[in-house]
């Protein structure tokens, strides 16, 4: 859960408010309703959605989501799963009362493990999760990203820390201005690796 949590926090902190929930949603849907972990993720999903709707000037949607997000997080410890929830609850209270606040000041970052992580701060696993999230949000073909993630994980398991797939996933997540070029290079590497593996399989 930690990697998914951290990936979503960093996606949000870098300004992709709508996309952040995609890092959490699949994991959240498999949790039993009402457990602390389910309430945390449900509350965070509602929080990021409230911020997104407020920035889109959907005031009624923002207010409703802020209220429900506050209810899900109510009663959880102040730093549950190392997420600073008191600050989030405070923002939800403000949004519920005055969603137009987002036009006067930027949404505050989420604090996790004592810092406000950005995409550039993530290790490999949360970076790989963020890569899939950003591909969907920014309308890149997700298949090459998924394959690059699988190849990177295979290379790591084989002790190949200098894998080109690891580097390209990091670059895809971190290089805003060059993301399209990085995606093209990543796709080419994926195609070469796939063709090579298919050629080997064809020998047997």
N, C-alpha and C. Protein backbone atom coordinates (compact mmCIF):
# COMPACT_ATOMS: atom_id res chain seq x y z
N UNK A 1 0.83 -1.21 0.00
CA UNK A 1 0.00 0.00 0.00
C UNK A 1 0.86 1.26 0.00
N UNK A 2 2.00 1.18 0.65
CA UNK A 2 2.85 2.37 0.78
C UNK A 2 3.22 2.96 -0.57
N UNK A 3 3.61 2.10 -1.53
CA UNK A 3 4.03 2.61 -2.84
C UNK A 3 2.88 3.28 -3.57
N UNK A 4 1.69 2.69 -3.52
CA UNK A 4 0.53 3.30 -4.17
C UNK A 4 0.15 4.62 -3.50
N UNK A 5 0.20 4.62 -2.18
CA UNK A 5 -0.13 5.83 -1.45
C UNK A 5 0.82 6.96 -1.83
N UNK A 6 2.11 6.64 -1.83
CA UNK A 6 3.12 7.67 -2.11
C UNK A 6 3.04 8.15 -3.56
N UNK A 7 2.78 7.23 -4.49
CA UNK A 7 2.65 7.61 -5.90
C UNK A 7 1.51 8.60 -6.08
N UNK A 8 0.34 8.30 -5.49
CA UNK A 8 -0.80 9.20 -5.63
C UNK A 8 -0.56 10.55 -5.00
N UNK A 9 0.10 10.56 -3.85
CA UNK A 9 0.42 11.83 -3.18
C UNK A 9 1.31 12.69 -4.08
N UNK A 10 2.34 12.07 -4.66
CA UNK A 10 3.26 12.82 -5.53
C UNK A 10 2.57 13.31 -6.80
N UNK A 11 1.71 12.48 -7.38
CA UNK A 11 0.95 12.90 -8.57
C UNK A 11 0.12 14.14 -8.22
N UNK A 12 -0.56 14.09 -7.08
CA UNK A 12 -1.35 15.24 -6.63
C UNK A 12 -0.46 16.46 -6.38
N UNK A 13 0.64 16.26 -5.66
CA UNK A 13 1.50 17.39 -5.32
C UNK A 13 2.11 18.06 -6.54
N UNK A 14 2.23 17.32 -7.64
CA UNK A 14 2.75 17.92 -8.87
C UNK A 14 1.63 18.55 -9.72
N UNK A 15 0.43 18.61 -9.16
CA UNK A 15 -0.63 19.35 -9.82
C UNK A 15 -1.58 18.55 -10.68
N UNK A 16 -1.42 17.22 -10.70
CA UNK A 16 -2.34 16.37 -11.46
C UNK A 16 -3.46 15.91 -10.51
N UNK A 17 -4.31 16.86 -10.15
CA UNK A 17 -5.30 16.62 -9.10
C UNK A 17 -6.30 15.53 -9.48
N UNK A 18 -6.70 15.51 -10.73
CA UNK A 18 -7.67 14.51 -11.18
C UNK A 18 -7.05 13.12 -11.24
N UNK A 19 -5.79 13.04 -11.63
CA UNK A 19 -5.14 11.74 -11.86
C UNK A 19 -4.76 11.02 -10.58
N UNK A 20 -4.61 11.75 -9.49
CA UNK A 20 -4.08 11.14 -8.27
C UNK A 20 -4.88 9.92 -7.83
N UNK A 21 -6.20 9.97 -7.99
CA UNK A 21 -7.03 8.86 -7.50
C UNK A 21 -6.72 7.56 -8.21
N UNK A 22 -6.20 7.63 -9.45
CA UNK A 22 -5.93 6.40 -10.20
C UNK A 22 -4.83 5.56 -9.55
N UNK A 23 -3.97 6.18 -8.77
CA UNK A 23 -2.93 5.43 -8.07
C UNK A 23 -3.52 4.62 -6.91
N UNK A 24 -4.68 5.05 -6.41
CA UNK A 24 -5.27 4.43 -5.23
C UNK A 24 -6.48 3.56 -5.52
N UNK A 25 -7.19 3.81 -6.61
CA UNK A 25 -8.54 3.28 -6.78
C UNK A 25 -8.60 1.76 -6.84
N UNK A 26 -7.74 1.13 -7.63
CA UNK A 26 -7.80 -0.33 -7.75
C UNK A 26 -7.56 -1.00 -6.40
N UNK A 27 -6.58 -0.49 -5.66
CA UNK A 27 -6.28 -1.05 -4.34
C UNK A 27 -7.45 -0.82 -3.39
N UNK A 28 -8.01 0.39 -3.43
CA UNK A 28 -9.12 0.75 -2.55
C UNK A 28 -10.33 -0.14 -2.80
N UNK A 29 -10.63 -0.44 -4.06
CA UNK A 29 -11.82 -1.22 -4.38
C UNK A 29 -11.74 -2.64 -3.82
N UNK A 30 -10.53 -3.13 -3.55
CA UNK A 30 -10.38 -4.49 -3.02
C UNK A 30 -10.44 -4.53 -1.49
N UNK A 31 -10.52 -3.38 -0.83
CA UNK A 31 -10.54 -3.33 0.63
C UNK A 31 -11.96 -3.47 1.16
N UNK A 32 -12.08 -4.03 2.35
CA UNK A 32 -13.39 -4.13 2.99
C UNK A 32 -13.87 -2.75 3.41
N UNK A 33 -15.11 -2.44 3.11
CA UNK A 33 -15.68 -1.14 3.45
C UNK A 33 -15.62 -0.90 4.96
N UNK A 34 -15.23 0.31 5.32
CA UNK A 34 -15.23 0.70 6.72
C UNK A 34 -13.94 0.45 7.46
N UNK A 35 -13.00 -0.30 6.85
CA UNK A 35 -11.70 -0.47 7.50
C UNK A 35 -10.94 0.84 7.44
N UNK A 36 -9.96 0.99 8.31
CA UNK A 36 -9.21 2.26 8.35
C UNK A 36 -8.51 2.54 7.02
N UNK A 37 -7.92 1.51 6.41
CA UNK A 37 -7.25 1.73 5.12
C UNK A 37 -8.25 2.14 4.04
N UNK A 38 -9.43 1.49 4.04
CA UNK A 38 -10.45 1.85 3.05
C UNK A 38 -10.92 3.28 3.26
N UNK A 39 -11.13 3.67 4.49
CA UNK A 39 -11.57 5.04 4.78
C UNK A 39 -10.50 6.06 4.41
N UNK A 40 -9.24 5.71 4.65
CA UNK A 40 -8.16 6.63 4.27
C UNK A 40 -8.16 6.87 2.76
N UNK A 41 -8.13 5.79 1.98
CA UNK A 41 -8.06 5.94 0.54
C UNK A 41 -9.33 6.58 -0.02
N UNK A 42 -10.48 6.19 0.53
CA UNK A 42 -11.75 6.78 0.08
C UNK A 42 -11.74 8.28 0.36
N UNK A 43 -11.27 8.66 1.55
CA UNK A 43 -11.20 10.08 1.90
C UNK A 43 -10.24 10.84 1.01
N UNK A 44 -9.08 10.25 0.71
CA UNK A 44 -8.11 10.92 -0.15
C UNK A 44 -8.65 11.07 -1.58
N UNK A 45 -9.33 10.04 -2.06
CA UNK A 45 -9.93 10.11 -3.40
C UNK A 45 -10.96 11.24 -3.44
N UNK A 46 -11.80 11.33 -2.40
CA UNK A 46 -12.79 12.40 -2.35
C UNK A 46 -12.12 13.77 -2.24
N UNK A 47 -11.04 13.84 -1.47
CA UNK A 47 -10.30 15.09 -1.30
C UNK A 47 -9.74 15.59 -2.63
N UNK A 48 -9.04 14.72 -3.35
CA UNK A 48 -8.44 15.16 -4.61
C UNK A 48 -9.52 15.49 -5.63
N UNK A 49 -10.64 14.76 -5.60
CA UNK A 49 -11.75 15.07 -6.50
C UNK A 49 -12.37 16.41 -6.15
N UNK A 50 -12.48 16.71 -4.86
CA UNK A 50 -13.03 18.00 -4.44
C UNK A 50 -12.15 19.15 -4.93
N UNK A 51 -10.85 18.99 -4.82
CA UNK A 51 -9.92 20.02 -5.31
C UNK A 51 -10.07 20.18 -6.81
N UNK A 52 -10.13 19.05 -7.52
CA UNK A 52 -10.27 19.11 -8.98
C UNK A 52 -11.55 19.83 -9.39
N UNK A 53 -12.67 19.49 -8.76
CA UNK A 53 -13.94 20.11 -9.12
C UNK A 53 -13.96 21.59 -8.75
N UNK A 54 -13.35 21.94 -7.63
CA UNK A 54 -13.29 23.35 -7.26
C UNK A 54 -12.49 24.15 -8.29
N UNK A 55 -11.37 23.59 -8.74
CA UNK A 55 -10.56 24.27 -9.75
C UNK A 55 -11.28 24.36 -11.08
N UNK A 56 -12.23 23.43 -11.30
CA UNK A 56 -13.04 23.45 -12.52
C UNK A 56 -14.31 24.28 -12.34
N UNK A 57 -14.42 24.96 -11.20
CA UNK A 57 -15.54 25.84 -10.85
C UNK A 57 -16.87 25.10 -10.74
N UNK A 58 -16.78 23.81 -10.43
CA UNK A 58 -17.97 23.03 -10.12
C UNK A 58 -18.16 23.11 -8.61
N UNK A 59 -18.74 24.22 -8.17
CA UNK A 59 -18.78 24.50 -6.74
C UNK A 59 -19.62 23.46 -5.98
N UNK A 60 -20.78 23.10 -6.51
CA UNK A 60 -21.64 22.14 -5.81
C UNK A 60 -20.95 20.78 -5.69
N UNK A 61 -20.31 20.34 -6.77
CA UNK A 61 -19.59 19.07 -6.72
C UNK A 61 -18.46 19.10 -5.71
N UNK A 62 -17.73 20.21 -5.67
CA UNK A 62 -16.61 20.35 -4.74
C UNK A 62 -17.10 20.30 -3.29
N UNK A 63 -18.20 20.99 -3.01
CA UNK A 63 -18.74 21.01 -1.64
C UNK A 63 -19.18 19.61 -1.21
N UNK A 64 -19.91 18.91 -2.09
CA UNK A 64 -20.38 17.57 -1.75
C UNK A 64 -19.23 16.61 -1.49
N UNK A 65 -18.21 16.66 -2.34
CA UNK A 65 -17.05 15.78 -2.18
C UNK A 65 -16.24 16.14 -0.94
N UNK A 66 -16.13 17.43 -0.66
CA UNK A 66 -15.40 17.86 0.53
C UNK A 66 -16.08 17.34 1.79
N UNK A 67 -17.40 17.41 1.82
CA UNK A 67 -18.13 16.93 3.00
C UNK A 67 -18.00 15.42 3.16
N UNK A 68 -18.13 14.67 2.06
CA UNK A 68 -18.03 13.22 2.17
C UNK A 68 -16.59 12.80 2.48
N UNK A 69 -15.61 13.49 1.89
CA UNK A 69 -14.21 13.19 2.20
C UNK A 69 -13.91 13.42 3.66
N UNK A 70 -14.44 14.49 4.22
CA UNK A 70 -14.26 14.78 5.65
C UNK A 70 -14.86 13.67 6.50
N UNK A 71 -16.03 13.16 6.10
CA UNK A 71 -16.68 12.09 6.86
C UNK A 71 -15.85 10.81 6.84
N UNK A 72 -15.27 10.47 5.69
CA UNK A 72 -14.46 9.25 5.60
C UNK A 72 -13.21 9.34 6.47
N UNK A 73 -12.61 10.52 6.54
CA UNK A 73 -11.36 10.67 7.30
C UNK A 73 -11.60 10.92 8.78
N UNK A 74 -12.84 11.24 9.14
CA UNK A 74 -13.15 11.55 10.53
C UNK A 74 -12.84 10.35 11.43
N UNK A 75 -12.11 10.62 12.50
CA UNK A 75 -11.80 9.57 13.47
C UNK A 75 -10.49 8.84 13.24
N UNK A 76 -9.90 8.99 12.06
CA UNK A 76 -8.59 8.37 11.82
C UNK A 76 -7.51 9.16 12.56
N UNK A 77 -6.42 8.50 12.96
CA UNK A 77 -5.34 9.22 13.63
C UNK A 77 -4.78 10.36 12.78
N UNK A 78 -4.16 11.32 13.45
CA UNK A 78 -3.67 12.53 12.76
C UNK A 78 -2.65 12.21 11.68
N UNK A 79 -1.89 11.14 11.86
CA UNK A 79 -0.85 10.78 10.89
C UNK A 79 -1.01 9.32 10.46
N UNK A 80 -2.20 8.95 10.10
CA UNK A 80 -2.45 7.56 9.71
C UNK A 80 -1.71 7.21 8.42
N UNK A 81 -1.00 6.08 8.45
CA UNK A 81 -0.17 5.64 7.32
C UNK A 81 0.82 6.72 6.91
N UNK A 82 1.24 7.53 7.91
CA UNK A 82 2.22 8.60 7.70
C UNK A 82 1.72 9.71 6.77
N UNK A 83 0.40 9.81 6.61
CA UNK A 83 -0.19 10.93 5.88
C UNK A 83 -0.71 11.93 6.92
N UNK A 84 -0.35 13.19 6.77
CA UNK A 84 -0.77 14.21 7.73
C UNK A 84 -2.24 14.57 7.47
N UNK A 85 -3.13 13.91 8.18
CA UNK A 85 -4.55 14.04 7.91
C UNK A 85 -5.18 15.30 8.48
N UNK A 86 -4.63 15.82 9.57
CA UNK A 86 -5.24 17.03 10.15
C UNK A 86 -5.24 18.17 9.14
N UNK A 87 -4.16 18.29 8.36
CA UNK A 87 -4.08 19.36 7.36
C UNK A 87 -5.11 19.12 6.26
N UNK A 88 -5.30 17.88 5.86
CA UNK A 88 -6.28 17.56 4.82
C UNK A 88 -7.69 17.82 5.32
N UNK A 89 -7.96 17.41 6.56
CA UNK A 89 -9.29 17.65 7.13
C UNK A 89 -9.58 19.15 7.19
N UNK A 90 -8.56 19.94 7.52
CA UNK A 90 -8.74 21.39 7.57
C UNK A 90 -9.10 21.95 6.19
N UNK A 91 -8.41 21.46 5.15
CA UNK A 91 -8.70 21.91 3.79
C UNK A 91 -10.12 21.51 3.39
N UNK A 92 -10.53 20.30 3.75
CA UNK A 92 -11.87 19.84 3.42
C UNK A 92 -12.93 20.71 4.09
N UNK A 93 -12.68 21.10 5.33
CA UNK A 93 -13.61 22.00 6.02
C UNK A 93 -13.72 23.32 5.27
N UNK A 94 -12.57 23.84 4.84
CA UNK A 94 -12.56 25.11 4.12
C UNK A 94 -13.28 25.00 2.79
N UNK A 95 -13.00 23.92 2.04
CA UNK A 95 -13.65 23.72 0.74
C UNK A 95 -15.16 23.55 0.88
N UNK A 96 -15.58 22.85 1.93
CA UNK A 96 -17.01 22.65 2.14
C UNK A 96 -17.73 23.97 2.39
N UNK A 97 -17.04 24.90 3.04
CA UNK A 97 -17.64 26.20 3.36
C UNK A 97 -17.43 27.23 2.27
N UNK A 98 -16.30 27.10 1.54
CA UNK A 98 -15.94 28.14 0.56
C UNK A 98 -15.09 27.52 -0.55
N UNK A 99 -15.72 26.82 -1.49
CA UNK A 99 -14.94 26.15 -2.54
C UNK A 99 -14.18 27.12 -3.44
N UNK A 100 -14.62 28.37 -3.50
CA UNK A 100 -13.94 29.35 -4.35
C UNK A 100 -12.58 29.75 -3.79
N UNK A 101 -12.22 29.22 -2.63
CA UNK A 101 -10.90 29.53 -2.06
C UNK A 101 -9.78 29.13 -3.01
N UNK A 102 -10.01 28.13 -3.87
CA UNK A 102 -8.96 27.68 -4.79
C UNK A 102 -8.63 28.75 -5.83
N UNK A 103 -9.50 29.73 -6.00
CA UNK A 103 -9.20 30.82 -6.93
C UNK A 103 -8.35 31.91 -6.27
N UNK A 104 -8.24 31.84 -4.95
CA UNK A 104 -7.45 32.84 -4.23
C UNK A 104 -6.08 32.31 -3.82
N UNK A 105 -5.98 31.00 -3.67
CA UNK A 105 -4.68 30.41 -3.34
C UNK A 105 -4.61 28.97 -3.83
N UNK A 106 -3.40 28.51 -4.06
CA UNK A 106 -3.20 27.16 -4.60
C UNK A 106 -3.59 26.10 -3.58
N UNK A 107 -4.09 24.95 -4.05
CA UNK A 107 -4.38 23.86 -3.12
C UNK A 107 -3.11 23.45 -2.38
N UNK A 108 -3.20 23.19 -1.10
CA UNK A 108 -2.00 22.82 -0.33
C UNK A 108 -1.53 21.42 -0.70
N UNK A 109 -0.24 21.15 -0.57
CA UNK A 109 0.27 19.80 -0.85
C UNK A 109 -0.13 18.82 0.25
N UNK A 110 -0.01 17.55 -0.07
CA UNK A 110 -0.22 16.49 0.91
C UNK A 110 1.14 16.10 1.48
N UNK A 111 1.19 15.98 2.79
CA UNK A 111 2.43 15.58 3.45
C UNK A 111 2.40 14.08 3.74
N UNK A 112 3.48 13.39 3.38
CA UNK A 112 3.59 11.95 3.60
C UNK A 112 5.00 11.64 4.10
N UNK A 113 5.07 10.90 5.20
CA UNK A 113 6.35 10.52 5.80
C UNK A 113 7.20 11.75 6.11
N UNK A 114 6.55 12.82 6.54
CA UNK A 114 7.27 14.01 6.99
C UNK A 114 7.72 14.95 5.91
N UNK A 115 7.39 14.64 4.64
CA UNK A 115 7.76 15.53 3.54
C UNK A 115 6.54 15.70 2.62
N UNK A 116 6.68 16.58 1.64
CA UNK A 116 5.65 16.73 0.61
C UNK A 116 6.26 16.20 -0.70
N UNK A 117 6.19 14.88 -0.91
CA UNK A 117 6.89 14.28 -2.05
C UNK A 117 6.33 14.74 -3.39
N UNK A 118 7.24 14.98 -4.32
CA UNK A 118 6.90 15.27 -5.71
C UNK A 118 7.33 14.08 -6.55
N UNK A 119 6.97 14.10 -7.82
CA UNK A 119 7.32 12.98 -8.70
C UNK A 119 8.82 12.75 -8.77
N UNK A 120 9.60 13.82 -8.68
CA UNK A 120 11.05 13.70 -8.77
C UNK A 120 11.66 13.03 -7.54
N UNK A 121 10.88 12.85 -6.48
CA UNK A 121 11.39 12.28 -5.23
C UNK A 121 11.13 10.78 -5.09
N UNK A 122 10.39 10.20 -6.02
CA UNK A 122 9.92 8.82 -5.85
C UNK A 122 10.98 7.79 -6.19
N UNK A 123 10.92 6.67 -5.47
CA UNK A 123 11.73 5.50 -5.83
C UNK A 123 11.10 4.76 -6.99
N UNK A 124 11.66 3.59 -7.31
CA UNK A 124 11.21 2.90 -8.52
C UNK A 124 9.75 2.48 -8.48
N UNK A 125 9.34 1.77 -7.43
CA UNK A 125 7.97 1.21 -7.42
C UNK A 125 6.90 2.30 -7.52
N UNK A 126 6.94 3.37 -6.69
CA UNK A 126 5.94 4.41 -6.87
C UNK A 126 6.08 5.15 -8.20
N UNK A 127 7.30 5.23 -8.74
CA UNK A 127 7.48 5.84 -10.05
C UNK A 127 6.79 5.02 -11.13
N UNK A 128 6.92 3.70 -11.06
CA UNK A 128 6.27 2.83 -12.04
C UNK A 128 4.75 2.97 -11.98
N UNK A 129 4.21 3.09 -10.77
CA UNK A 129 2.78 3.31 -10.62
C UNK A 129 2.39 4.66 -11.21
N UNK A 130 3.17 5.69 -10.90
CA UNK A 130 2.88 7.03 -11.40
C UNK A 130 2.97 7.08 -12.93
N UNK A 131 3.85 6.30 -13.52
CA UNK A 131 3.99 6.29 -14.98
C UNK A 131 2.70 5.81 -15.64
N UNK A 132 2.11 4.77 -15.09
CA UNK A 132 0.84 4.26 -15.63
C UNK A 132 -0.27 5.29 -15.44
N UNK A 133 -0.31 5.92 -14.28
CA UNK A 133 -1.32 6.95 -14.00
C UNK A 133 -1.20 8.12 -14.96
N UNK A 134 0.01 8.61 -15.17
CA UNK A 134 0.22 9.76 -16.04
C UNK A 134 -0.05 9.41 -17.50
N UNK A 135 0.29 8.19 -17.90
CA UNK A 135 0.01 7.77 -19.28
C UNK A 135 -1.49 7.86 -19.55
N UNK A 136 -2.30 7.37 -18.61
CA UNK A 136 -3.75 7.43 -18.80
C UNK A 136 -4.24 8.87 -18.78
N UNK A 137 -3.77 9.65 -17.82
CA UNK A 137 -4.23 11.03 -17.68
C UNK A 137 -3.87 11.88 -18.89
N UNK A 138 -2.67 11.67 -19.43
CA UNK A 138 -2.17 12.51 -20.53
C UNK A 138 -2.40 11.88 -21.89
N UNK A 139 -3.14 10.77 -21.90
CA UNK A 139 -3.58 10.12 -23.14
C UNK A 139 -2.43 9.56 -23.98
N UNK A 140 -1.45 8.99 -23.30
CA UNK A 140 -0.43 8.18 -23.97
C UNK A 140 -0.93 6.74 -24.00
N UNK A 141 -0.47 6.00 -24.98
CA UNK A 141 -0.80 4.57 -25.06
C UNK A 141 -0.23 3.88 -23.82
N UNK A 142 -1.09 3.22 -23.06
CA UNK A 142 -0.65 2.62 -21.80
C UNK A 142 0.11 1.31 -21.98
N UNK A 143 -0.08 0.63 -23.10
CA UNK A 143 0.55 -0.69 -23.27
C UNK A 143 2.07 -0.63 -23.20
N UNK A 144 2.74 0.30 -23.92
CA UNK A 144 4.20 0.35 -23.79
C UNK A 144 4.67 0.65 -22.37
N UNK A 145 3.91 1.47 -21.65
CA UNK A 145 4.27 1.77 -20.26
C UNK A 145 4.15 0.52 -19.40
N UNK A 146 3.05 -0.21 -19.58
CA UNK A 146 2.86 -1.45 -18.82
C UNK A 146 3.98 -2.46 -19.12
N UNK A 147 4.35 -2.57 -20.40
CA UNK A 147 5.41 -3.52 -20.78
C UNK A 147 6.77 -3.05 -20.23
N UNK A 148 7.02 -1.75 -20.30
CA UNK A 148 8.27 -1.23 -19.76
C UNK A 148 8.36 -1.48 -18.26
N UNK A 149 7.25 -1.33 -17.57
CA UNK A 149 7.20 -1.61 -16.13
C UNK A 149 7.53 -3.08 -15.86
N UNK A 150 6.94 -3.98 -16.65
CA UNK A 150 7.19 -5.41 -16.47
C UNK A 150 8.66 -5.75 -16.76
N UNK A 151 9.20 -5.17 -17.83
CA UNK A 151 10.61 -5.42 -18.18
C UNK A 151 11.54 -4.85 -17.10
N UNK A 152 11.22 -3.67 -16.59
CA UNK A 152 12.04 -3.06 -15.53
C UNK A 152 12.04 -3.94 -14.29
N UNK A 153 10.87 -4.44 -13.91
CA UNK A 153 10.77 -5.30 -12.73
C UNK A 153 11.54 -6.60 -12.95
N UNK A 154 11.48 -7.14 -14.16
CA UNK A 154 12.23 -8.36 -14.48
C UNK A 154 13.73 -8.11 -14.39
N UNK A 155 14.15 -6.96 -14.93
CA UNK A 155 15.58 -6.63 -14.88
C UNK A 155 16.05 -6.43 -13.44
N UNK A 156 15.24 -5.78 -12.62
CA UNK A 156 15.60 -5.58 -11.21
C UNK A 156 15.74 -6.92 -10.50
N UNK A 157 14.80 -7.83 -10.77
CA UNK A 157 14.85 -9.15 -10.14
C UNK A 157 16.10 -9.92 -10.56
N UNK A 158 16.60 -9.61 -11.77
CA UNK A 158 17.81 -10.27 -12.27
C UNK A 158 19.08 -9.53 -11.84
N UNK A 159 18.91 -8.48 -11.05
CA UNK A 159 20.07 -7.73 -10.56
C UNK A 159 20.60 -6.70 -11.52
N UNK A 160 19.83 -6.37 -12.54
CA UNK A 160 20.27 -5.38 -13.54
C UNK A 160 19.75 -3.99 -13.14
N UNK A 161 20.47 -3.34 -12.24
CA UNK A 161 20.04 -2.03 -11.73
C UNK A 161 20.17 -0.92 -12.76
N UNK A 162 20.94 -1.16 -13.81
CA UNK A 162 21.15 -0.12 -14.83
C UNK A 162 20.23 -0.32 -16.04
N UNK A 163 19.12 -1.01 -15.85
CA UNK A 163 18.18 -1.28 -16.93
C UNK A 163 17.72 0.00 -17.60
N UNK A 164 17.70 -0.01 -18.92
CA UNK A 164 17.22 1.13 -19.69
C UNK A 164 15.74 1.39 -19.42
N UNK A 165 15.00 0.35 -19.11
CA UNK A 165 13.57 0.51 -18.85
C UNK A 165 13.33 1.27 -17.54
N UNK A 166 14.17 1.03 -16.56
CA UNK A 166 14.07 1.77 -15.30
C UNK A 166 14.32 3.25 -15.56
N UNK A 167 15.39 3.53 -16.29
CA UNK A 167 15.74 4.92 -16.60
C UNK A 167 14.62 5.61 -17.37
N UNK A 168 14.07 4.94 -18.36
CA UNK A 168 13.03 5.56 -19.18
C UNK A 168 11.73 5.79 -18.41
N UNK A 169 11.40 4.91 -17.48
CA UNK A 169 10.22 5.13 -16.65
C UNK A 169 10.42 6.34 -15.75
N UNK A 170 11.59 6.46 -15.15
CA UNK A 170 11.89 7.65 -14.35
C UNK A 170 11.79 8.91 -15.22
N UNK A 171 12.37 8.87 -16.40
CA UNK A 171 12.34 10.04 -17.28
C UNK A 171 10.93 10.39 -17.71
N UNK A 172 10.12 9.38 -18.01
CA UNK A 172 8.74 9.63 -18.43
C UNK A 172 7.96 10.37 -17.34
N UNK A 173 8.17 9.97 -16.10
CA UNK A 173 7.46 10.58 -14.98
C UNK A 173 7.99 11.98 -14.68
N UNK A 174 9.29 12.16 -14.78
CA UNK A 174 9.91 13.40 -14.28
C UNK A 174 10.10 14.47 -15.36
N UNK A 175 10.19 14.08 -16.62
CA UNK A 175 10.55 15.04 -17.67
C UNK A 175 9.30 15.61 -18.35
N UNK A 176 8.69 16.61 -17.72
CA UNK A 176 7.46 17.19 -18.26
C UNK A 176 7.65 17.68 -19.70
N UNK A 177 8.69 18.44 -19.92
CA UNK A 177 8.89 19.09 -21.22
C UNK A 177 9.27 18.10 -22.31
N UNK A 178 9.85 16.97 -21.94
CA UNK A 178 10.34 16.01 -22.93
C UNK A 178 9.59 14.68 -22.87
N UNK A 179 8.42 14.68 -22.24
CA UNK A 179 7.71 13.41 -22.01
C UNK A 179 7.38 12.71 -23.33
N UNK A 180 7.00 13.47 -24.35
CA UNK A 180 6.66 12.85 -25.63
C UNK A 180 7.85 12.15 -26.25
N UNK A 181 9.02 12.78 -26.20
CA UNK A 181 10.24 12.18 -26.76
C UNK A 181 10.63 10.94 -25.96
N UNK A 182 10.52 11.05 -24.63
CA UNK A 182 10.85 9.91 -23.77
C UNK A 182 9.91 8.74 -24.08
N UNK A 183 8.63 9.05 -24.27
CA UNK A 183 7.67 7.99 -24.57
C UNK A 183 8.02 7.30 -25.89
N UNK A 184 8.44 8.06 -26.88
CA UNK A 184 8.83 7.48 -28.16
C UNK A 184 10.02 6.54 -27.99
N UNK A 185 11.03 6.97 -27.23
CA UNK A 185 12.20 6.13 -26.99
C UNK A 185 11.81 4.89 -26.20
N UNK A 186 10.96 5.06 -25.20
CA UNK A 186 10.52 3.93 -24.39
C UNK A 186 9.78 2.91 -25.26
N UNK A 187 8.92 3.40 -26.13
CA UNK A 187 8.17 2.51 -27.01
C UNK A 187 9.10 1.73 -27.93
N UNK A 188 10.12 2.40 -28.46
CA UNK A 188 11.07 1.73 -29.34
C UNK A 188 11.84 0.64 -28.59
N UNK A 189 12.25 0.92 -27.36
CA UNK A 189 12.96 -0.09 -26.56
C UNK A 189 12.05 -1.27 -26.24
N UNK A 190 10.79 -0.99 -25.93
CA UNK A 190 9.84 -2.05 -25.65
C UNK A 190 9.65 -2.94 -26.88
N UNK A 191 9.51 -2.32 -28.05
CA UNK A 191 9.32 -3.08 -29.28
C UNK A 191 10.52 -3.98 -29.56
N UNK A 192 11.74 -3.44 -29.37
CA UNK A 192 12.94 -4.24 -29.61
C UNK A 192 13.02 -5.42 -28.65
N UNK A 193 12.73 -5.17 -27.38
CA UNK A 193 12.79 -6.25 -26.38
C UNK A 193 11.72 -7.29 -26.69
N UNK A 194 10.53 -6.86 -27.04
CA UNK A 194 9.44 -7.79 -27.35
C UNK A 194 9.79 -8.65 -28.56
N UNK A 195 10.32 -8.01 -29.61
CA UNK A 195 10.70 -8.76 -30.81
C UNK A 195 11.81 -9.77 -30.51
N UNK A 196 12.77 -9.36 -29.68
CA UNK A 196 13.86 -10.25 -29.33
C UNK A 196 13.34 -11.47 -28.58
N UNK A 197 12.43 -11.25 -27.64
CA UNK A 197 11.89 -12.37 -26.86
C UNK A 197 11.04 -13.29 -27.76
N UNK A 198 10.29 -12.69 -28.68
CA UNK A 198 9.49 -13.50 -29.61
C UNK A 198 10.38 -14.32 -30.53
N UNK A 199 11.52 -13.75 -30.95
CA UNK A 199 12.46 -14.50 -31.79
C UNK A 199 13.03 -15.70 -31.05
N UNK A 200 13.36 -15.49 -29.76
CA UNK A 200 13.90 -16.59 -28.96
C UNK A 200 12.85 -17.69 -28.78
N UNK A 201 11.61 -17.27 -28.50
CA UNK A 201 10.54 -18.25 -28.32
C UNK A 201 10.31 -19.05 -29.61
N UNK A 202 10.51 -18.39 -30.75
CA UNK A 202 10.29 -19.05 -32.03
C UNK A 202 11.33 -20.14 -32.32
N UNK A 203 12.41 -20.16 -31.59
CA UNK A 203 13.45 -21.18 -31.80
C UNK A 203 13.07 -22.50 -31.16
N UNK A 204 12.09 -22.50 -30.29
CA UNK A 204 11.75 -23.72 -29.55
C UNK A 204 10.37 -24.25 -29.92
